[in-house]
Amino acid sequence: MSRTCCCYDNAPMESFFHTLEVELVHQRRWATRDEARRDLFAYIAGSYNRQRVHSALGYIAPERVEQNAS
């Protein structure tokens, strides 16, 4: 985080948390914290990091970039 009133450093995290809330958090309720942690980890490691398209990669999923590189 940067100094007060510098919003640009927070923009990537705000975008991530918005996506997380829309695609996962607002879609269900969890009975326990462990269940929530498990689902959050599965979403981030399994879907967000591997399958979502990223603008830095030319709007291609990271798995596809790795397949094309090999």
C-alpha atoms as a PDB file:
ATOM      1  CA  MET A   1       0.000   0.000   0.000  1.00  0.00           C
ATOM      2  CA  SER A   2       1.165   3.480  -0.707  1.00  0.00           C
ATOM      3  CA  ARG A   3       0.592   6.843   0.848  1.00  0.00           C
ATOM      4  CA  THR A   4      -2.867   8.192   1.529  1.00  0.00           C
ATOM      5  CA  CYS A   5      -4.833   9.320  -1.547  1.00  0.00           C
ATOM      6  CA  CYS A   6      -2.840   7.203  -4.008  1.00  0.00           C
ATOM      7  CA  CYS A   7      -5.489   4.867  -5.372  1.00  0.00           C
ATOM      8  CA  TYR A   8      -3.461   3.253  -8.158  1.00  0.00           C
ATOM      9  CA  ASP A   9      -1.632   0.765  -5.920  1.00  0.00           C
ATOM     10  CA  ASN A  10      -4.931  -0.631  -4.634  1.00  0.00           C
ATOM     11  CA  ALA A  11      -6.622  -1.003  -8.029  1.00  0.00           C
ATOM     12  CA  PRO A  12      -5.420  -4.574  -8.808  1.00  0.00           C
ATOM     13  CA  MET A  13      -6.480  -5.871  -5.384  1.00  0.00           C
ATOM     14  CA  GLU A  14      -9.829  -4.103  -5.557  1.00  0.00           C
ATOM     15  CA  SER A  15     -10.411  -5.714  -8.947  1.00  0.00           C
ATOM     16  CA  PHE A  16      -9.480  -9.146  -7.579  1.00  0.00           C
ATOM     17  CA  PHE A  17     -11.734  -8.822  -4.531  1.00  0.00           C
ATOM     18  CA  HIS A  18     -14.629  -7.645  -6.685  1.00  0.00           C
ATOM     19  CA  THR A  19     -14.244 -10.681  -8.942  1.00  0.00           C
ATOM     20  CA  LEU A  20     -13.947 -12.984  -5.925  1.00  0.00           C
ATOM     21  CA  GLU A  21     -17.100 -11.581  -4.357  1.00  0.00           C
ATOM     22  CA  VAL A  22     -19.149 -11.734  -7.554  1.00  0.00           C
ATOM     23  CA  GLU A  23     -18.043 -15.204  -8.666  1.00  0.00           C
ATOM     24  CA  LEU A  24     -17.823 -16.988  -5.306  1.00  0.00           C
ATOM     25  CA  VAL A  25     -18.660 -15.199  -2.074  1.00  0.00           C
ATOM     26  CA  HIS A  26     -22.107 -13.871  -2.973  1.00  0.00           C
ATOM     27  CA  GLN A  27     -23.093 -17.207  -4.522  1.00  0.00           C
ATOM     28  CA  ARG A  28     -23.181 -19.266  -1.323  1.00  0.00           C
ATOM     29  CA  ARG A  29     -22.960 -19.467   2.454  1.00  0.00           C
ATOM     30  CA  TRP A  30     -20.553 -21.673   4.358  1.00  0.00           C
ATOM     31  CA  ALA A  31     -21.299 -23.632   7.517  1.00  0.00           C
ATOM     32  CA  THR A  32     -17.729 -23.412   8.869  1.00  0.00           C
ATOM     33  CA  ARG A  33     -14.630 -21.292   8.382  1.00  0.00           C
ATOM     34  CA  ASP A  34     -12.682 -24.343   7.246  1.00  0.00           C
ATOM     35  CA  GLU A  35     -15.214 -24.956   4.495  1.00  0.00           C
ATOM     36  CA  ALA A  36     -14.922 -21.320   3.393  1.00  0.00           C
ATOM     37  CA  ARG A  37     -11.103 -21.472   3.421  1.00  0.00           C
ATOM     38  CA  ARG A  38     -11.164 -24.658   1.336  1.00  0.00           C
ATOM     39  CA  ASP A  39     -13.501 -23.116  -1.248  1.00  0.00           C
ATOM     40  CA  LEU A  40     -11.523 -19.866  -1.395  1.00  0.00           C
ATOM     41  CA  PHE A  41      -8.272 -21.746  -1.921  1.00  0.00           C
ATOM     42  CA  ALA A  42      -9.851 -23.935  -4.605  1.00  0.00           C
ATOM     43  CA  TYR A  43     -11.208 -20.855  -6.397  1.00  0.00           C
ATOM     44  CA  ILE A  44      -7.939 -18.926  -6.308  1.00  0.00           C
ATOM     45  CA  ALA A  45      -5.587 -21.816  -7.098  1.00  0.00           C
ATOM     46  CA  GLY A  46      -7.864 -23.715  -9.430  1.00  0.00           C
ATOM     47  CA  SER A  47      -9.822 -21.124 -11.346  1.00  0.00           C
ATOM     48  CA  TYR A  48      -8.562 -17.586 -10.899  1.00  0.00           C
ATOM     49  CA  ASN A  49      -4.847 -18.251 -11.316  1.00  0.00           C
ATOM     50  CA  ARG A  50      -5.081 -20.927 -14.019  1.00  0.00           C
ATOM     51  CA  GLN A  51      -8.155 -20.440 -16.167  1.00  0.00           C
ATOM     52  CA  ARG A  52      -9.144 -16.755 -16.045  1.00  0.00           C
ATOM     53  CA  VAL A  53      -7.864 -14.686 -18.935  1.00  0.00           C
ATOM     54  CA  HIS A  54      -5.332 -12.005 -17.976  1.00  0.00           C
ATOM     55  CA  SER A  55      -4.781  -8.734 -19.789  1.00  0.00           C
ATOM     56  CA  ALA A  56      -1.014  -8.947 -19.180  1.00  0.00           C
ATOM     57  CA  LEU A  57      -0.958 -12.189 -21.195  1.00  0.00           C
ATOM     58  CA  GLY A  58      -2.918 -10.815 -24.122  1.00  0.00           C
ATOM     59  CA  TYR A  59      -6.246 -12.024 -22.692  1.00  0.00           C
ATOM     60  CA  ILE A  60      -5.129 -15.647 -22.723  1.00  0.00           C
ATOM     61  CA  ALA A  61      -5.413 -18.040 -19.775  1.00  0.00           C
ATOM     62  CA  PRO A  62      -2.090 -18.835 -18.054  1.00  0.00           C
ATOM     63  CA  GLU A  63      -2.505 -22.571 -18.718  1.00  0.00           C
ATOM     64  CA  ARG A  64      -2.842 -21.878 -22.447  1.00  0.00           C
ATOM     65  CA  VAL A  65       0.288 -19.661 -22.391  1.00  0.00           C
ATOM     66  CA  GLU A  66       2.263 -22.456 -20.749  1.00  0.00           C
ATOM     67  CA  GLN A  67       0.976 -25.009 -23.285  1.00  0.00           C
ATOM     68  CA  ASN A  68       1.933 -22.734 -26.181  1.00  0.00           C
ATOM     69  CA  ALA A  69       5.434 -22.187 -24.740  1.00  0.00           C
ATOM     70  CA  SER A  70       6.272 -25.878 -24.624  1.00  0.00           C
END
